Amino acid sequence: MPENLRHTYRHLLREINRQFTRVNGSRAWASQLRLEWQRPANADASATRSVAAQNVLTYLANSRKYKDLLAEFNPKMPEGDRIQRTARRVGLETPKSFSDQ
């Protein structure tokens, strides 16, 4: 296996472990990747498979980063508090509702 393919394979396994195996304890994704990677392919299919693997790796890494950023900067809070914080961020105040008076 060429070095760049081995590098991609190891990174894919690492991302799958971070996002799927640790979360639900299932090794199905990792075993499916191993089966796919061990399947023989000719030279043209190997190049296509390498590009597809890079695309999947990029998607998995960026989706994990997105989830992390979303959890960090958008914590779960009541709808009213979220609206007030958003309004204050842009220099506005929310009007008092009937229930606040």
PDB file of N, CA and C in Angstrom:
ATOM      1  N   MET A   1       0.862  -1.178   0.000  1.00  0.00           N
ATOM      2  CA  MET A   1       0.000   0.000   0.000  1.00  0.00           C
ATOM      3  C   MET A   1       0.903   1.235   0.000  1.00  0.00           C
ATOM      4  N   PRO A   2       0.727   2.136  -0.956  1.00  0.00           N
ATOM      5  CA  PRO A   2       1.545   3.354  -0.992  1.00  0.00           C
ATOM      6  C   PRO A   2       1.363   4.190   0.278  1.00  0.00           C
ATOM      7  N   GLU A   3       2.369   5.001   0.550  1.00  0.00           N
ATOM      8  CA  GLU A   3       2.390   5.773   1.796  1.00  0.00           C
ATOM      9  C   GLU A   3       1.192   6.712   1.925  1.00  0.00           C
ATOM     10  N   ASN A   4       0.806   7.411   0.849  1.00  0.00           N
ATOM     11  CA  ASN A   4      -0.321   8.346   0.961  1.00  0.00           C
ATOM     12  C   ASN A   4      -1.639   7.613   1.209  1.00  0.00           C
ATOM     13  N   LEU A   5      -1.798   6.411   0.643  1.00  0.00           N
ATOM     14  CA  LEU A   5      -3.006   5.628   0.910  1.00  0.00           C
ATOM     15  C   LEU A   5      -3.030   5.132   2.351  1.00  0.00           C
ATOM     16  N   ARG A   6      -1.882   4.724   2.851  1.00  0.00           N
ATOM     17  CA  ARG A   6      -1.793   4.275   4.243  1.00  0.00           C
ATOM     18  C   ARG A   6      -2.120   5.436   5.187  1.00  0.00           C
ATOM     19  N   HIS A   7      -1.622   6.605   4.864  1.00  0.00           N
ATOM     20  CA  HIS A   7      -1.892   7.808   5.661  1.00  0.00           C
ATOM     21  C   HIS A   7      -3.395   8.114   5.674  1.00  0.00           C
ATOM     22  N   THR A   8      -4.022   8.070   4.517  1.00  0.00           N
ATOM     23  CA  THR A   8      -5.461   8.327   4.415  1.00  0.00           C
ATOM     24  C   THR A   8      -6.254   7.275   5.185  1.00  0.00           C
ATOM     25  N   TYR A   9      -5.874   6.025   5.041  1.00  0.00           N
ATOM     26  CA  TYR A   9      -6.562   4.931   5.737  1.00  0.00           C
ATOM     27  C   TYR A   9      -6.480   5.109   7.251  1.00  0.00           C
ATOM     28  N   ARG A  10      -5.312   5.435   7.762  1.00  0.00           N
ATOM     29  CA  ARG A  10      -5.150   5.620   9.204  1.00  0.00           C
ATOM     30  C   ARG A  10      -5.961   6.802   9.707  1.00  0.00           C
ATOM     31  N   HIS A  11      -5.988   7.887   8.942  1.00  0.00           N
ATOM     32  CA  HIS A  11      -6.791   9.046   9.348  1.00  0.00           C
ATOM     33  C   HIS A  11      -8.285   8.733   9.300  1.00  0.00           C
ATOM     34  N   LEU A  12      -8.705   7.971   8.309  1.00  0.00           N
ATOM     35  CA  LEU A  12     -10.113   7.565   8.248  1.00  0.00           C
ATOM     36  C   LEU A  12     -10.485   6.710   9.457  1.00  0.00           C
ATOM     37  N   LEU A  13      -9.636   5.763   9.810  1.00  0.00           N
ATOM     38  CA  LEU A  13      -9.903   4.941  10.995  1.00  0.00           C
ATOM     39  C   LEU A  13      -9.981   5.799  12.256  1.00  0.00           C
ATOM     40  N   ARG A  14      -9.100   6.778  12.355  1.00  0.00           N
ATOM     41  CA  ARG A  14      -9.099   7.657  13.528  1.00  0.00           C
ATOM     42  C   ARG A  14     -10.387   8.470  13.607  1.00  0.00           C
ATOM     43  N   GLU A  15     -10.838   9.020  12.489  1.00  0.00           N
ATOM     44  CA  GLU A  15     -12.080   9.805  12.474  1.00  0.00           C
ATOM     45  C   GLU A  15     -13.290   8.925  12.773  1.00  0.00           C
ATOM     46  N   ILE A  16     -13.316   7.738  12.207  1.00  0.00           N
ATOM     47  CA  ILE A  16     -14.428   6.818  12.471  1.00  0.00           C
ATOM     48  C   ILE A  16     -14.461   6.452  13.948  1.00  0.00           C
ATOM     49  N   ASN A  17     -13.298   6.239  14.530  1.00  0.00           N
ATOM     50  CA  ASN A  17     -13.239   5.923  15.955  1.00  0.00           C
ATOM     51  C   ASN A  17     -13.753   7.092  16.792  1.00  0.00           C
ATOM     52  N   ARG A  18     -13.357   8.302  16.457  1.00  0.00           N
ATOM     53  CA  ARG A  18     -13.790   9.479  17.218  1.00  0.00           C
ATOM     54  C   ARG A  18     -15.294   9.703  17.129  1.00  0.00           C
ATOM     55  N   GLN A  19     -15.848   9.528  15.949  1.00  0.00           N
ATOM     56  CA  GLN A  19     -17.236   9.924  15.737  1.00  0.00           C
ATOM     57  C   GLN A  19     -18.244   8.802  15.934  1.00  0.00           C
ATOM     58  N   PHE A  20     -17.875   7.575  15.659  1.00  0.00           N
ATOM     59  CA  PHE A  20     -18.856   6.500  15.694  1.00  0.00           C
ATOM     60  C   PHE A  20     -18.552   5.448  16.753  1.00  0.00           C
ATOM     61  N   THR A  21     -17.337   4.943  16.772  1.00  0.00           N
ATOM     62  CA  THR A  21     -17.023   3.834  17.665  1.00  0.00           C
ATOM     63  C   THR A  21     -17.093   4.252  19.126  1.00  0.00           C
ATOM     64  N   ARG A  22     -16.532   5.389  19.471  1.00  0.00           N
ATOM     65  CA  ARG A  22     -16.567   5.849  20.863  1.00  0.00           C
ATOM     66  C   ARG A  22     -17.976   6.202  21.302  1.00  0.00           C
ATOM     67  N   VAL A  23     -18.775   6.723  20.390  1.00  0.00           N
ATOM     68  CA  VAL A  23     -20.119   7.182  20.737  1.00  0.00           C
ATOM     69  C   VAL A  23     -21.047   6.010  21.026  1.00  0.00           C
ATOM     70  N   ASN A  24     -21.090   5.041  20.124  1.00  0.00           N
ATOM     71  CA  ASN A  24     -22.056   3.948  20.300  1.00  0.00           C
ATOM     72  C   ASN A  24     -21.426   2.584  20.540  1.00  0.00           C
ATOM     73  N   GLY A  25     -20.118   2.503  20.573  1.00  0.00           N
ATOM     74  CA  GLY A  25     -19.447   1.245  20.868  1.00  0.00           C
ATOM     75  C   GLY A  25     -19.483   0.220  19.750  1.00  0.00           C
ATOM     76  N   SER A  26     -19.957   0.597  18.583  1.00  0.00           N
ATOM     77  CA  SER A  26     -20.066  -0.332  17.465  1.00  0.00           C
ATOM     78  C   SER A  26     -18.831  -0.224  16.573  1.00  0.00           C
ATOM     79  N   ARG A  27     -18.247  -1.350  16.260  1.00  0.00           N
ATOM     80  CA  ARG A  27     -17.078  -1.378  15.385  1.00  0.00           C
ATOM     81  C   ARG A  27     -17.484  -1.607  13.925  1.00  0.00           C
ATOM     82  N   ALA A  28     -18.759  -1.482  13.611  1.00  0.00           N
ATOM     83  CA  ALA A  28     -19.246  -1.783  12.263  1.00  0.00           C
ATOM     84  C   ALA A  28     -18.618  -0.869  11.212  1.00  0.00           C
ATOM     85  N   TRP A  29     -18.502   0.428  11.517  1.00  0.00           N
ATOM     86  CA  TRP A  29     -17.930   1.358  10.544  1.00  0.00           C
ATOM     87  C   TRP A  29     -16.469   1.019  10.257  1.00  0.00           C
ATOM     88  N   ALA A  30     -15.716   0.745  11.297  1.00  0.00           N
ATOM     89  CA  ALA A  30     -14.298   0.426  11.117  1.00  0.00           C
ATOM     90  C   ALA A  30     -14.125  -0.886  10.359  1.00  0.00           C
ATOM     91  N   SER A  31     -14.931  -1.885  10.677  1.00  0.00           N
ATOM     92  CA  SER A  31     -14.800  -3.162   9.967  1.00  0.00           C
ATOM     93  C   SER A  31     -15.228  -3.025   8.505  1.00  0.00           C
ATOM     94  N   GLN A  32     -16.233  -2.211   8.241  1.00  0.00           N
ATOM     95  CA  GLN A  32     -16.647  -1.979   6.853  1.00  0.00           C
ATOM     96  C   GLN A  32     -15.541  -1.273   6.067  1.00  0.00           C
ATOM     97  N   LEU A  33     -14.879  -0.311   6.708  1.00  0.00           N
ATOM     98  CA  LEU A  33     -13.763   0.372   6.055  1.00  0.00           C
ATOM     99  C   LEU A  33     -12.637  -0.615   5.754  1.00  0.00           C
ATOM    100  N   ARG A  34     -12.323  -1.487   6.702  1.00  0.00           N
ATOM    101  CA  ARG A  34     -11.280  -2.494   6.473  1.00  0.00           C
ATOM    102  C   ARG A  34     -11.635  -3.402   5.298  1.00  0.00           C
ATOM    103  N   LEU A  35     -12.884  -3.861   5.251  1.00  0.00           N
ATOM    104  CA  LEU A  35     -13.303  -4.723   4.142  1.00  0.00           C
ATOM    105  C   LEU A  35     -13.185  -3.998   2.802  1.00  0.00           C
ATOM    106  N   GLU A  36     -13.616  -2.756   2.774  1.00  0.00           N
ATOM    107  CA  GLU A  36     -13.550  -1.971   1.538  1.00  0.00           C
ATOM    108  C   GLU A  36     -12.102  -1.737   1.121  1.00  0.00           C
ATOM    109  N   TRP A  37     -11.257  -1.486   2.092  1.00  0.00           N
ATOM    110  CA  TRP A  37      -9.861  -1.172   1.802  1.00  0.00           C
ATOM    111  C   TRP A  37      -9.095  -2.405   1.327  1.00  0.00           C
ATOM    112  N   GLN A  38      -9.473  -3.583   1.809  1.00  0.00           N
ATOM    113  CA  GLN A  38      -8.773  -4.815   1.439  1.00  0.00           C
ATOM    114  C   GLN A  38      -9.257  -5.392   0.117  1.00  0.00           C
ATOM    115  N   ARG A  39     -10.368  -4.889  -0.377  1.00  0.00           N
ATOM    116  CA  ARG A  39     -10.899  -5.387  -1.645  1.00  0.00           C
ATOM    117  C   ARG A  39      -9.933  -5.024  -2.770  1.00  0.00           C
ATOM    118  N   PRO A  40      -9.574  -5.977  -3.610  1.00  0.00           N
ATOM    119  CA  PRO A  40      -8.625  -5.677  -4.688  1.00  0.00           C
ATOM    120  C   PRO A  40      -9.228  -4.719  -5.716  1.00  0.00           C
ATOM    121  N   ALA A  41      -8.352  -3.896  -6.284  1.00  0.00           N
ATOM    122  CA  ALA A  41      -8.798  -2.936  -7.302  1.00  0.00           C
ATOM    123  C   ALA A  41      -7.685  -2.762  -8.326  1.00  0.00           C
ATOM    124  N   ASN A  42      -8.075  -2.445  -9.557  1.00  0.00           N
ATOM    125  CA  ASN A  42      -7.066  -2.174 -10.574  1.00  0.00           C
ATOM    126  C   ASN A  42      -6.536  -0.750 -10.391  1.00  0.00           C
ATOM    127  N   ALA A  43      -5.626  -0.320 -11.229  1.00  0.00           N
ATOM    128  CA  ALA A  43      -4.956   0.972 -11.057  1.00  0.00           C
ATOM    129  C   ALA A  43      -5.935   2.142 -11.168  1.00  0.00           C
ATOM    130  N   ASP A  44      -6.864   2.091 -12.129  1.00  0.00           N
ATOM    131  CA  ASP A  44      -7.826   3.186 -12.288  1.00  0.00           C
ATOM    132  C   ASP A  44      -8.761   3.276 -11.091  1.00  0.00           C
ATOM    133  N   ALA A  45      -9.258   2.136 -10.651  1.00  0.00           N
ATOM    134  CA  ALA A  45     -10.159   2.125  -9.503  1.00  0.00           C
ATOM    135  C   ALA A  45      -9.427   2.532  -8.230  1.00  0.00           C
ATOM    136  N   SER A  46      -8.148   2.212  -8.149  1.00  0.00           N
ATOM    137  CA  SER A  46      -7.364   2.579  -6.974  1.00  0.00           C
ATOM    138  C   SER A  46      -7.226   4.093  -6.870  1.00  0.00           C
ATOM    139  N   ALA A  47      -7.002   4.757  -7.984  1.00  0.00           N
ATOM    140  CA  ALA A  47      -6.899   6.220  -7.968  1.00  0.00           C
ATOM    141  C   ALA A  47      -8.238   6.845  -7.600  1.00  0.00           C
ATOM    142  N   THR A  48      -9.318   6.312  -8.154  1.00  0.00           N
ATOM    143  CA  THR A  48     -10.653   6.812  -7.828  1.00  0.00           C
ATOM    144  C   THR A  48     -10.971   6.576  -6.362  1.00  0.00           C
ATOM    145  N   ARG A  49     -10.614   5.416  -5.865  1.00  0.00           N
ATOM    146  CA  ARG A  49     -10.851   5.089  -4.458  1.00  0.00           C
ATOM    147  C   ARG A  49     -10.059   6.023  -3.543  1.00  0.00           C
ATOM    148  N   SER A  50      -8.841   6.364  -3.941  1.00  0.00           N
ATOM    149  CA  SER A  50      -8.019   7.268  -3.142  1.00  0.00           C
ATOM    150  C   SER A  50      -8.648   8.657  -3.056  1.00  0.00           C
ATOM    151  N   VAL A  51      -9.145   9.155  -4.166  1.00  0.00           N
ATOM    152  CA  VAL A  51      -9.802  10.472  -4.171  1.00  0.00           C
ATOM    153  C   VAL A  51     -11.075  10.433  -3.341  1.00  0.00           C
ATOM    154  N   ALA A  52     -11.851   9.374  -3.484  1.00  0.00           N
ATOM    155  CA  ALA A  52     -13.082   9.246  -2.697  1.00  0.00           C
ATOM    156  C   ALA A  52     -12.768   9.161  -1.207  1.00  0.00           C
ATOM    157  N   ALA A  53     -11.714   8.441  -0.851  1.00  0.00           N
ATOM    158  CA  ALA A  53     -11.331   8.334   0.560  1.00  0.00           C
ATOM    159  C   ALA A  53     -10.913   9.690   1.115  1.00  0.00           C
ATOM    160  N   GLN A  54     -10.187  10.465   0.335  1.00  0.00           N
ATOM    161  CA  GLN A  54      -9.799  11.818   0.773  1.00  0.00           C
ATOM    162  C   GLN A  54     -11.031  12.689   0.980  1.00  0.00           C
ATOM    163  N   ASN A  55     -12.006  12.579   0.079  1.00  0.00           N
ATOM    164  CA  ASN A  55     -13.237  13.359   0.220  1.00  0.00           C
ATOM    165  C   ASN A  55     -14.014  12.960   1.470  1.00  0.00           C
ATOM    166  N   VAL A  56     -14.107  11.671   1.732  1.00  0.00           N
ATOM    167  CA  VAL A  56     -14.807  11.199   2.932  1.00  0.00           C
ATOM    168  C   VAL A  56     -14.077  11.665   4.180  1.00  0.00           C
ATOM    169  N   LEU A  57     -12.763  11.591   4.161  1.00  0.00           N
ATOM    170  CA  LEU A  57     -11.971  12.040   5.304  1.00  0.00           C
ATOM    171  C   LEU A  57     -12.179  13.526   5.563  1.00  0.00           C
ATOM    172  N   THR A  58     -12.165  14.326   4.523  1.00  0.00           N
ATOM    173  CA  THR A  58     -12.397  15.765   4.673  1.00  0.00           C
ATOM    174  C   THR A  58     -13.782  16.033   5.236  1.00  0.00           C
ATOM    175  N   TYR A  59     -14.783  15.327   4.732  1.00  0.00           N
ATOM    176  CA  TYR A  59     -16.145  15.509   5.231  1.00  0.00           C
ATOM    177  C   TYR A  59     -16.258  15.132   6.705  1.00  0.00           C
ATOM    178  N   LEU A  60     -15.718  13.981   7.078  1.00  0.00           N
ATOM    179  CA  LEU A  60     -15.810  13.530   8.469  1.00  0.00           C
ATOM    180  C   LEU A  60     -15.099  14.489   9.422  1.00  0.00           C
ATOM    181  N   ALA A  61     -13.911  14.937   9.041  1.00  0.00           N
ATOM    182  CA  ALA A  61     -13.161  15.848   9.912  1.00  0.00           C
ATOM    183  C   ALA A  61     -13.888  17.174  10.065  1.00  0.00           C
ATOM    184  N   ASN A  62     -14.405  17.710   8.971  1.00  0.00           N
ATOM    185  CA  ASN A  62     -15.092  19.000   9.044  1.00  0.00           C
ATOM    186  C   ASN A  62     -16.435  18.898   9.751  1.00  0.00           C
ATOM    187  N   SER A  63     -17.135  17.783   9.603  1.00  0.00           N
ATOM    188  CA  SER A  63     -18.402  17.647  10.326  1.00  0.00           C
ATOM    189  C   SER A  63     -18.153  17.536  11.824  1.00  0.00           C
ATOM    190  N   ARG A  64     -17.056  16.886  12.230  1.00  0.00           N
ATOM    191  CA  ARG A  64     -16.711  16.817  13.654  1.00  0.00           C
ATOM    192  C   ARG A  64     -16.371  18.206  14.191  1.00  0.00           C
ATOM    193  N   LYS A  65     -15.601  18.970  13.426  1.00  0.00           N
ATOM    194  CA  LYS A  65     -15.255  20.333  13.849  1.00  0.00           C
ATOM    195  C   LYS A  65     -16.507  21.200  13.951  1.00  0.00           C
ATOM    196  N   TYR A  66     -17.433  21.031  13.012  1.00  0.00           N
ATOM    197  CA  TYR A  66     -18.679  21.794  13.048  1.00  0.00           C
ATOM    198  C   TYR A  66     -19.476  21.473  14.305  1.00  0.00           C
ATOM    199  N   LYS A  67     -19.583  20.189  14.638  1.00  0.00           N
ATOM    200  CA  LYS A  67     -20.313  19.794  15.846  1.00  0.00           C
ATOM    201  C   LYS A  67     -19.659  20.376  17.091  1.00  0.00           C
ATOM    202  N   ASP A  68     -18.321  20.352  17.133  1.00  0.00           N
ATOM    203  CA  ASP A  68     -17.612  20.904  18.286  1.00  0.00           C
ATOM    204  C   ASP A  68     -17.854  22.405  18.416  1.00  0.00           C
ATOM    205  N   LEU A  69     -17.767  23.129  17.306  1.00  0.00           N
ATOM    206  CA  LEU A  69     -17.994  24.576  17.340  1.00  0.00           C
ATOM    207  C   LEU A  69     -19.432  24.901  17.697  1.00  0.00           C
ATOM    208  N   LEU A  70     -20.368  24.143  17.178  1.00  0.00           N
ATOM    209  CA  LEU A  70     -21.772  24.371  17.481  1.00  0.00           C
ATOM    210  C   LEU A  70     -22.044  24.163  18.965  1.00  0.00           C
ATOM    211  N   ALA A  71     -21.463  23.131  19.531  1.00  0.00           N
ATOM    212  CA  ALA A  71     -21.654  22.877  20.961  1.00  0.00           C
ATOM    213  C   ALA A  71     -20.995  23.955  21.812  1.00  0.00           C
ATOM    214  N   GLU A  72     -19.864  24.481  21.353  1.00  0.00           N
ATOM    215  CA  GLU A  72     -19.143  25.484  22.136  1.00  0.00           C
ATOM    216  C   GLU A  72     -19.815  26.853  22.085  1.00  0.00           C
ATOM    217  N   PHE A  73     -20.236  27.276  20.916  1.00  0.00           N
ATOM    218  CA  PHE A  73     -20.740  28.630  20.757  1.00  0.00           C
ATOM    219  C   PHE A  73     -22.256  28.739  20.735  1.00  0.00           C
ATOM    220  N   ASN A  74     -22.962  27.634  20.747  1.00  0.00           N
ATOM    221  CA  ASN A  74     -24.411  27.670  20.736  1.00  0.00           C
ATOM    222  C   ASN A  74     -24.936  26.700  21.795  1.00  0.00           C
ATOM    223  N   PRO A  75     -24.683  27.022  23.062  1.00  0.00           N
ATOM    224  CA  PRO A  75     -25.130  26.094  24.105  1.00  0.00           C
ATOM    225  C   PRO A  75     -26.649  26.029  24.160  1.00  0.00           C
ATOM    226  N   LYS A  76     -27.141  24.931  24.678  1.00  0.00           N
ATOM    227  CA  LYS A  76     -28.591  24.778  24.794  1.00  0.00           C
ATOM    228  C   LYS A  76     -29.081  25.686  25.904  1.00  0.00           C
ATOM    229  N   MET A  77     -29.959  26.584  25.543  1.00  0.00           N
ATOM    230  CA  MET A  77     -30.539  27.501  26.512  1.00  0.00           C
ATOM    231  C   MET A  77     -31.973  27.773  26.104  1.00  0.00           C
ATOM    232  N   PRO A  78     -32.761  28.295  27.008  1.00  0.00           N
ATOM    233  CA  PRO A  78     -34.151  28.603  26.658  1.00  0.00           C
ATOM    234  C   PRO A  78     -34.226  29.585  25.482  1.00  0.00           C
ATOM    235  N   GLU A  79     -35.297  29.478  24.725  1.00  0.00           N
ATOM    236  CA  GLU A  79     -35.478  30.297  23.523  1.00  0.00           C
ATOM    237  C   GLU A  79     -35.419  31.787  23.839  1.00  0.00           C
ATOM    238  N   GLY A  80     -36.060  32.218  24.917  1.00  0.00           N
ATOM    239  CA  GLY A  80     -36.065  33.636  25.277  1.00  0.00           C
ATOM    240  C   GLY A  80     -34.675  34.163  25.583  1.00  0.00           C
ATOM    241  N   ASP A  81     -33.890  33.387  26.322  1.00  0.00           N
ATOM    242  CA  ASP A  81     -32.519  33.803  26.630  1.00  0.00           C
ATOM    243  C   ASP A  81     -31.677  33.890  25.368  1.00  0.00           C
ATOM    244  N   ARG A  82     -31.847  32.929  24.480  1.00  0.00           N
ATOM    245  CA  ARG A  82     -31.079  32.935  23.232  1.00  0.00           C
ATOM    246  C   ARG A  82     -31.414  34.160  22.393  1.00  0.00           C
ATOM    247  N   ILE A  83     -32.693  34.528  22.333  1.00  0.00           N
ATOM    248  CA  ILE A  83     -33.106  35.701  21.560  1.00  0.00           C
ATOM    249  C   ILE A  83     -32.546  36.970  22.183  1.00  0.00           C
ATOM    250  N   GLN A  84     -32.601  37.071  23.512  1.00  0.00           N
ATOM    251  CA  GLN A  84     -32.061  38.254  24.186  1.00  0.00           C
ATOM    252  C   GLN A  84     -30.559  38.385  23.952  1.00  0.00           C
ATOM    253  N   ARG A  85     -29.829  37.299  24.054  1.00  0.00           N
ATOM    254  CA  ARG A  85     -28.381  37.357  23.835  1.00  0.00           C
ATOM    255  C   ARG A  85     -28.052  37.742  22.401  1.00  0.00           C
ATOM    256  N   THR A  86     -28.818  37.229  21.459  1.00  0.00           N
ATOM    257  CA  THR A  86     -28.591  37.578  20.060  1.00  0.00           C
ATOM    258  C   THR A  86     -28.865  39.054  19.826  1.00  0.00           C
ATOM    259  N   ALA A  87     -29.940  39.574  20.399  1.00  0.00           N
ATOM    260  CA  ALA A  87     -30.272  40.989  20.241  1.00  0.00           C
ATOM    261  C   ALA A  87     -29.197  41.865  20.870  1.00  0.00           C
ATOM    262  N   ARG A  88     -28.740  41.517  22.039  1.00  0.00           N
ATOM    263  CA  ARG A  88     -27.697  42.309  22.703  1.00  0.00           C
ATOM    264  C   ARG A  88     -26.391  42.280  21.926  1.00  0.00           C
ATOM    265  N   ARG A  89     -26.115  41.174  21.280  1.00  0.00           N
ATOM    266  CA  ARG A  89     -24.879  41.051  20.509  1.00  0.00           C
ATOM    267  C   ARG A  89     -24.825  42.077  19.384  1.00  0.00           C
ATOM    268  N   VAL A  90     -25.968  42.437  18.830  1.00  0.00           N
ATOM    269  CA  VAL A  90     -25.997  43.423  17.744  1.00  0.00           C
ATOM    270  C   VAL A  90     -26.422  44.800  18.236  1.00  0.00           C
ATOM    271  N   GLY A  91     -26.485  44.986  19.566  1.00  0.00           N
ATOM    272  CA  GLY A  91     -26.760  46.307  20.116  1.00  0.00           C
ATOM    273  C   GLY A  91     -28.223  46.645  20.284  1.00  0.00           C
ATOM    274  N   LEU A  92     -29.087  45.680  20.350  1.00  0.00           N
ATOM    275  CA  LEU A  92     -30.513  45.924  20.508  1.00  0.00           C
ATOM    276  C   LEU A  92     -31.002  45.350  21.829  1.00  0.00           C
ATOM    277  N   GLU A  93     -32.162  45.781  22.241  1.00  0.00           N
ATOM    278  CA  GLU A  93     -32.838  45.216  23.403  1.00  0.00           C
ATOM    279  C   GLU A  93     -34.148  44.610  22.929  1.00  0.00           C
ATOM    280  N   THR A  94     -34.518  43.514  23.499  1.00  0.00           N
ATOM    281  CA  THR A  94     -35.795  42.910  23.141  1.00  0.00           C
ATOM    282  C   THR A  94     -36.906  43.620  23.903  1.00  0.00           C
ATOM    283  N   PRO A  95     -38.057  43.778  23.288  1.00  0.00           N
ATOM    284  CA  PRO A  95     -39.165  44.429  23.994  1.00  0.00           C
ATOM    285  C   PRO A  95     -39.670  43.548  25.124  1.00  0.00           C
ATOM    286  N   LYS A  96     -40.216  44.198  26.137  1.00  0.00           N
ATOM    287  CA  LYS A  96     -40.777  43.440  27.253  1.00  0.00           C
ATOM    288  C   LYS A  96     -42.061  42.774  26.776  1.00  0.00           C
ATOM    289  N   SER A  97     -42.203  41.519  27.104  1.00  0.00           N
ATOM    290  CA  SER A  97     -43.411  40.810  26.705  1.00  0.00           C
ATOM    291  C   SER A  97     -44.494  41.039  27.745  1.00  0.00           C
ATOM    292  N   PHE A  98     -45.684  40.664  27.426  1.00  0.00           N
ATOM    293  CA  PHE A  98     -46.819  40.877  28.319  1.00  0.00           C
ATOM    294  C   PHE A  98     -46.619  40.136  29.634  1.00  0.00           C
ATOM    295  N   SER A  99     -46.018  38.954  29.582  1.00  0.00           N
ATOM    296  CA  SER A  99     -45.824  38.163  30.801  1.00  0.00           C
ATOM    297  C   SER A  99     -44.746  38.762  31.703  1.00  0.00           C
ATOM    298  N   ASP A 100     -43.829  39.595  31.169  1.00  0.00           N
ATOM    299  CA  ASP A 100     -42.776  40.215  31.969  1.00  0.00           C
ATOM    300  C   ASP A 100     -43.285  41.389  32.789  1.00  0.00           C
ATOM    301  N   GLN A 101     -44.393  41.981  32.434  1.00  0.00           N
ATOM    302  CA  GLN A 101     -44.865  43.200  33.098  1.00  0.00           C
ATOM    303  C   GLN A 101     -45.588  42.933  34.348  1.00  0.00           C
TER     304      GLN A 101
END
